[in-house]
């Protein structure tokens, strides 16, 4: 028995093959309303062979989110097309959902072309394909910073423990600030027994010239509950950027560093309300009674969010509230 094609689908197939580029363009746009898998081979062919770059870019955008092998291959091939087409294809590849699609991108992740390699790694990141660790590890040595940054992201999402020694070197030695920041965050994949191997690099990153790397390093040390980094985190409470101090305060609370009570108490009078709030929370987390008087004094803070944090911390300490508004 012959399989009949839906008339609407057949109409689109005919228009996708029309000699008139304007007709083909409207057909590509109409695909969004139909989204029938029977149209995918024709769209993939248009992406590969249509003489109009603008139409190929439209096709690349229309194919976003489709994991069929022919579509994935066509999008990957389009990464070497014109700038408009390749950019659209790269974005569409990030919307893949099936990890099996990632297998088709592994070779592209190892491409000598920086754009293709970065795009493939970016698509592989959220697919969490274990085999992506191999090209990602190799890409840590790539001359292009964008490729290195995407490689770090892949290894972080995979929680690839074998990458930790390399990532510790990246966080303190890479020439690109964004790569160092990404590596500082990726070191958060360390398990409890691996923390001693990464905390020295993170403490060194607390001295990085770029404040956002110092911020990321403080955040990761807190996430890892790296108690041996307490001294470095206390020093970070004197950072020129309040954003770094905020993350350091949060980390000091998480590791319950009693010696941090004085620097956290001082932060309760900082001009940045977010930092005052975080310092109040951290003092409650630490749970040392010596913080009660400064917390009670902070009960008159002009910021209601700070006052709320102060009240909660005093409750945790079993102490009465101070002056409130």
Protein backbone atom coordinates (compact mmCIF):
# COMPACT_ATOMS: atom_id res chain seq x y z
CA UNK A 1 0.00 0.00 0.00
CA UNK A 2 1.43 3.37 -0.99
CA UNK A 3 2.14 5.85 1.81
CA UNK A 4 0.39 9.08 1.04
CA UNK A 5 2.10 12.38 1.80
CA UNK A 6 0.05 15.02 3.53
CA UNK A 7 -0.96 17.66 0.96
CA UNK A 8 0.44 20.45 3.12
CA UNK A 9 3.77 18.66 3.41
CA UNK A 10 3.85 17.97 -0.33
CA UNK A 11 3.18 21.64 -1.01
CA UNK A 12 6.13 22.62 1.16
CA UNK A 13 8.37 20.05 -0.51
CA UNK A 14 7.45 21.47 -3.90
CA UNK A 15 8.12 25.02 -2.76
CA UNK A 16 11.46 24.09 -1.18
CA UNK A 17 12.54 22.92 -4.65
CA UNK A 18 11.13 25.93 -6.50
CA UNK A 19 13.56 27.80 -8.80
CA UNK A 20 12.46 31.09 -7.23
CA UNK A 21 14.52 31.86 -4.11
CA UNK A 22 11.73 33.94 -2.59
CA UNK A 23 9.37 30.97 -2.82
CA UNK A 24 11.95 28.70 -1.19
CA UNK A 25 12.47 31.23 1.58
CA UNK A 26 8.79 31.40 2.46
CA UNK A 27 8.67 27.60 2.44
CA UNK A 28 11.54 27.44 4.94
CA UNK A 29 9.76 29.92 7.19
CA UNK A 30 6.51 27.95 6.88
CA UNK A 31 8.27 24.82 8.16
CA UNK A 32 8.00 26.29 11.68
CA UNK A 33 4.22 25.92 11.46
CA UNK A 34 4.27 22.36 10.13
CA UNK A 35 7.36 20.75 11.72
CA UNK A 36 6.85 17.45 9.94
CA UNK A 37 9.84 15.09 9.93
CA UNK A 38 9.15 14.27 6.29
CA UNK A 39 10.48 17.74 5.43
CA UNK A 40 13.83 17.32 7.20
CA UNK A 41 15.76 15.69 4.32
CA UNK A 42 14.69 18.47 1.96
CA UNK A 43 15.67 21.17 4.46
CA UNK A 44 19.00 19.48 5.10
CA UNK A 45 19.65 19.36 1.37
CA UNK A 46 18.74 23.03 1.05
CA UNK A 47 21.16 23.86 3.85
CA UNK A 48 23.92 22.00 2.07
CA UNK A 49 23.35 23.08 -1.51
CA UNK A 50 21.12 26.14 -1.93
CA UNK A 51 22.99 28.86 -3.86
CA UNK A 52 21.60 31.62 -1.61
CA UNK A 53 23.58 32.08 1.66
CA UNK A 54 20.64 33.86 3.30
CA UNK A 55 18.42 30.88 2.55
CA UNK A 56 21.00 28.45 3.90
CA UNK A 57 21.11 30.48 7.11
CA UNK A 58 17.31 30.38 7.37
CA UNK A 59 17.41 26.61 6.92
CA UNK A 60 20.05 26.30 9.64
CA UNK A 61 17.84 28.22 12.04
CA UNK A 62 14.76 26.19 11.08
CA UNK A 63 16.58 22.93 11.85
CA UNK A 64 17.35 23.87 15.46
CA UNK A 65 16.40 21.17 17.94
CA UNK A 66 16.13 18.30 15.42
CA UNK A 67 18.41 15.40 16.32
CA UNK A 68 18.03 13.36 13.14
CA UNK A 69 21.47 12.25 11.86
CA UNK A 70 21.07 13.90 8.44
CA UNK A 71 20.20 17.20 10.12
CA UNK A 72 23.10 17.05 12.58
CA UNK A 73 25.52 16.24 9.77
CA UNK A 74 24.20 19.07 7.61
CA UNK A 75 24.47 21.57 10.47
CA UNK A 76 28.00 20.42 11.27
CA UNK A 77 29.01 20.78 7.62
CA UNK A 78 27.48 24.27 7.59
CA UNK A 79 29.99 25.34 10.26
CA UNK A 80 32.45 25.89 7.42
CA UNK A 81 29.97 27.95 5.37
CA UNK A 82 29.78 31.76 5.26
CA UNK A 83 29.76 33.70 8.53
CA UNK A 84 25.98 34.12 8.51
CA UNK A 85 25.31 30.46 7.82
CA UNK A 86 27.95 29.10 10.17
CA UNK A 87 26.76 31.29 13.04
CA UNK A 88 23.18 30.09 12.57
CA UNK A 89 24.31 26.47 12.38
CA UNK A 90 26.42 26.80 15.52
CA UNK A 91 23.45 28.17 17.45
CA UNK A 92 21.14 25.42 16.22
CA UNK A 93 23.62 22.75 17.28
CA UNK A 94 23.45 24.01 20.87
CA UNK A 95 19.77 23.06 20.92
CA UNK A 96 20.39 19.34 20.37
CA UNK A 97 18.96 17.15 23.11
CA UNK A 98 19.87 13.55 22.23
CA UNK A 99 23.34 12.53 23.49
CA UNK A 100 23.61 10.19 20.51
CA UNK A 101 23.86 13.29 18.31
CA UNK A 102 27.06 14.16 20.12
CA UNK A 103 28.83 11.18 18.63
CA UNK A 104 28.49 12.84 15.22
CA UNK A 105 30.20 16.00 16.50
CA UNK A 106 33.29 14.50 18.11
CA UNK A 107 35.43 14.71 14.98
CA UNK A 108 34.40 18.34 14.46
CA UNK A 109 35.45 19.17 18.04
CA UNK A 110 38.98 18.22 17.05
CA UNK A 111 38.93 20.40 13.92
CA UNK A 112 41.92 22.60 13.19
CA UNK A 113 39.46 25.40 12.44
CA UNK A 114 38.91 27.32 15.68
CA UNK A 115 35.31 28.29 14.93
CA UNK A 116 34.29 24.73 14.06
CA UNK A 117 36.04 23.27 17.09
CA UNK A 118 34.52 25.80 19.49
CA UNK A 119 31.03 25.35 18.03
CA UNK A 120 31.20 21.57 18.27
CA UNK A 121 32.49 21.70 21.84
CA UNK A 122 29.74 24.15 22.78
CA UNK A 123 27.12 21.77 21.39
CA UNK A 124 28.71 18.79 23.14
CA UNK A 125 28.78 20.54 26.51
CA UNK A 126 25.15 20.06 27.50
CA UNK A 127 24.84 16.69 25.76
CA UNK A 128 27.34 15.38 28.31
CA UNK A 129 28.86 12.79 25.99
CA UNK A 130 31.69 11.09 27.94
CA UNK A 131 33.76 10.66 24.77
CA UNK A 132 33.86 14.47 24.44
CA UNK A 133 36.48 14.52 27.20
CA UNK A 134 39.17 13.41 24.75
CA UNK A 135 38.90 16.30 22.27
CA UNK A 136 38.23 18.70 25.15
CA UNK A 137 41.46 17.75 26.92
CA UNK A 138 43.39 18.22 23.69
CA UNK A 139 41.68 21.57 23.10
CA UNK A 140 43.04 22.96 26.38
CA UNK A 141 46.26 23.51 24.40
CA UNK A 142 44.53 25.22 21.46
CA UNK A 143 45.90 28.59 20.37
CA UNK A 144 42.42 30.10 20.27
CA UNK A 145 41.03 31.23 23.65
CA UNK A 146 37.42 30.58 22.65
CA UNK A 147 38.24 26.93 21.95
CA UNK A 148 40.03 26.60 25.29
CA UNK A 149 37.09 28.16 27.11
CA UNK A 150 34.62 25.75 25.51
CA UNK A 151 36.93 22.84 26.31
CA UNK A 152 36.99 23.84 29.99
CA UNK A 153 33.18 24.02 29.99
CA UNK A 154 32.87 20.51 28.52
CA UNK A 155 35.21 19.05 31.14
CA UNK A 156 33.36 20.85 33.92
CA UNK A 157 29.93 19.64 32.78
CA UNK A 158 31.27 16.11 32.43
CA UNK A 159 32.81 16.31 35.93
CA UNK A 160 35.87 14.75 34.35
CA UNK A 161 38.10 14.15 37.36
CA UNK A 162 41.15 13.27 35.27
CA UNK A 163 41.16 16.86 33.99
CA UNK A 164 41.72 18.41 37.42
CA UNK A 165 45.55 18.61 37.23
CA UNK A 166 45.33 20.33 33.85
CA UNK A 167 42.58 22.67 35.02
CA UNK A 168 44.63 23.77 38.03
CA UNK A 169 47.36 24.83 35.63
CA UNK A 170 44.86 26.62 33.40
CA UNK A 171 43.36 28.62 36.27
CA UNK A 172 46.69 30.17 37.16
CA UNK A 173 48.52 30.10 33.84
CA UNK A 174 46.21 30.69 30.88
CA UNK A 175 46.74 33.99 29.09
CA UNK A 176 43.01 34.63 28.67
CA UNK A 177 41.03 35.89 31.66
CA UNK A 178 37.78 34.22 30.60
CA UNK A 179 39.51 30.87 30.27
CA UNK A 180 40.98 31.26 33.75
CA UNK A 181 37.55 32.21 35.14
CA UNK A 182 35.93 29.18 33.51
CA UNK A 183 38.65 26.92 34.91
CA UNK A 184 38.16 28.36 38.41
CA UNK A 185 34.51 27.39 38.21
CA UNK A 186 35.21 23.96 36.69
CA UNK A 187 37.47 23.05 39.62
CA UNK A 188 34.28 22.83 41.63
CA UNK A 189 33.89 19.32 40.20
CA UNK A 190 36.51 18.09 42.67
CA UNK A 191 35.31 15.52 45.19
CA UNK A 192 36.14 15.83 48.89
CA UNK A 193 39.32 13.78 48.58
CA UNK A 194 40.45 15.84 45.57
CA UNK A 195 40.06 19.25 47.23
CA UNK A 196 43.66 19.35 48.55
CA UNK A 197 44.90 19.04 44.97
CA UNK A 198 42.99 22.07 43.69
CA UNK A 199 42.73 24.51 46.59
CA UNK A 200 46.28 25.86 46.21
CA UNK A 201 45.54 26.93 42.64
CA UNK A 202 42.25 28.49 43.71
CA UNK A 203 43.95 30.38 46.53
CA UNK A 204 46.47 31.68 44.01
CA UNK A 205 43.56 32.69 41.79
CA UNK A 206 42.33 34.89 44.65
CA UNK A 207 45.28 37.13 43.69
CA UNK A 208 44.46 37.19 39.97
CA UNK A 209 44.54 40.68 38.37
CA UNK A 210 40.98 40.15 37.07
CA UNK A 211 38.39 40.63 39.82
CA UNK A 212 35.84 38.25 38.27
CA UNK A 213 38.39 35.43 38.50
CA UNK A 214 38.99 36.24 42.16
CA UNK A 215 35.22 36.18 42.63
CA UNK A 216 34.90 32.79 40.91
CA UNK A 217 37.78 31.33 42.90
CA UNK A 218 36.21 32.42 46.19
CA UNK A 219 32.88 30.95 45.13
CA UNK A 220 34.45 27.60 44.21
CA UNK A 221 36.40 27.41 47.46
CA UNK A 222 33.14 27.86 49.32
CA UNK A 223 31.40 25.24 47.21
CA UNK A 224 34.23 22.80 47.97
CA UNK A 225 34.19 23.77 51.66
CA UNK A 226 37.96 24.09 51.46
CA UNK A 227 38.74 24.71 55.13
CA UNK A 228 42.49 24.99 54.48
CA UNK A 229 41.76 28.06 52.34
CA UNK A 230 40.27 29.99 55.28
CA UNK A 231 43.26 32.32 55.62
CA UNK A 232 43.22 33.21 51.93
CA UNK A 233 39.47 33.82 52.07
CA UNK A 234 39.82 36.07 55.12
CA UNK A 235 42.41 38.07 53.18
CA UNK A 236 39.96 38.31 50.28
CA UNK A 237 37.58 40.19 52.59
CA UNK A 238 39.90 43.15 51.99
CA UNK A 239 39.55 42.93 48.18
CA UNK A 240 38.99 46.18 46.28
CA UNK A 241 35.81 44.71 44.77
CA UNK A 242 32.82 44.09 47.02
CA UNK A 243 31.70 41.30 44.70
CA UNK A 244 34.83 39.34 45.63
CA UNK A 245 34.26 40.08 49.31
CA UNK A 246 30.68 38.84 49.03
CA UNK A 247 31.76 35.46 47.65
CA UNK A 248 34.53 35.24 50.23
CA UNK A 249 32.03 35.97 53.00
CA UNK A 250 29.73 33.24 51.70
CA UNK A 251 32.64 30.79 51.55
CA UNK A 252 33.77 31.64 55.08
CA UNK A 253 30.27 30.93 56.31
CA UNK A 254 30.16 27.62 54.53
CA UNK A 255 33.41 26.46 56.09
CA UNK A 256 32.32 27.89 59.47
CA UNK A 257 35.59 29.73 60.03
CA UNK A 258 35.41 31.19 63.56
CA UNK A 259 38.49 33.32 62.92
CA UNK A 260 36.53 35.15 60.21
CA UNK A 261 34.12 36.74 62.71
CA UNK A 262 36.09 40.04 62.93
CA UNK A 263 36.34 40.57 59.14
CA UNK A 264 32.72 39.58 58.63
CA UNK A 265 31.67 41.94 61.43
CA UNK A 266 33.50 44.74 59.67
CA UNK A 267 31.66 43.91 56.45
CA UNK A 268 28.36 44.66 58.22
CA UNK A 269 29.06 48.37 57.74
CA UNK A 270 30.17 48.19 54.10
CA UNK A 271 28.27 50.49 51.70
CA UNK A 272 27.12 47.53 49.55
CA UNK A 273 23.90 46.12 50.98
CA UNK A 274 24.40 42.74 49.30
CA UNK A 275 27.72 42.32 51.08
CA UNK A 276 26.23 43.33 54.43
CA UNK A 277 23.49 40.76 53.95
CA UNK A 278 25.97 38.01 53.04
CA UNK A 279 28.17 38.85 56.03
CA UNK A 280 25.17 38.61 58.36
CA UNK A 281 24.22 35.22 56.91
CA UNK A 282 27.80 33.97 57.22
CA UNK A 283 27.99 35.01 60.87
CA UNK A 284 24.88 32.95 61.52
CA UNK A 285 26.38 30.00 59.65
CA UNK A 286 29.55 30.15 61.73
CA UNK A 287 27.48 30.15 64.91
CA UNK A 288 29.95 31.89 67.21
CA UNK A 289 28.38 33.90 70.05
CA UNK A 290 30.98 36.64 69.76
CA UNK A 291 29.10 37.89 66.69
CA UNK A 292 25.92 38.64 68.65
CA UNK A 293 26.69 42.28 69.59
CA UNK A 294 27.56 43.35 66.02
CA UNK A 295 24.55 41.54 64.64
CA UNK A 296 22.30 43.23 67.17
CA UNK A 297 23.74 46.60 66.16
CA UNK A 298 23.08 45.74 62.51
CA UNK A 299 19.40 45.35 63.37
CA UNK A 300 19.06 49.04 62.51
CA UNK A 301 20.42 48.58 59.00
CA UNK A 302 18.56 50.71 56.41
CA UNK A 303 18.20 47.73 54.04
CA UNK A 304 15.24 45.46 54.92
CA UNK A 305 16.97 42.43 53.35
CA UNK A 306 19.97 42.97 55.61
CA UNK A 307 17.73 43.35 58.66
CA UNK A 308 15.97 40.10 57.77
CA UNK A 309 19.31 38.27 57.45
CA UNK A 310 20.41 39.73 60.80
CA UNK A 311 17.23 38.54 62.54
CA UNK A 312 17.59 35.03 61.14
CA UNK A 313 21.24 34.80 62.19
CA UNK A 314 20.43 36.02 65.70
CA UNK A 315 17.72 33.38 65.92
CA UNK A 316 20.23 30.73 64.93
CA UNK A 317 22.53 32.01 67.66
CA UNK A 318 19.70 31.95 70.19
CA UNK A 319 20.09 35.66 70.86
CA UNK A 320 17.46 38.43 71.03
CA UNK A 321 17.23 40.93 68.20
CA UNK A 322 18.80 44.32 68.57
CA UNK A 323 17.39 47.64 67.50
CA UNK A 324 14.99 47.18 64.57
CA UNK A 325 12.87 49.46 62.41
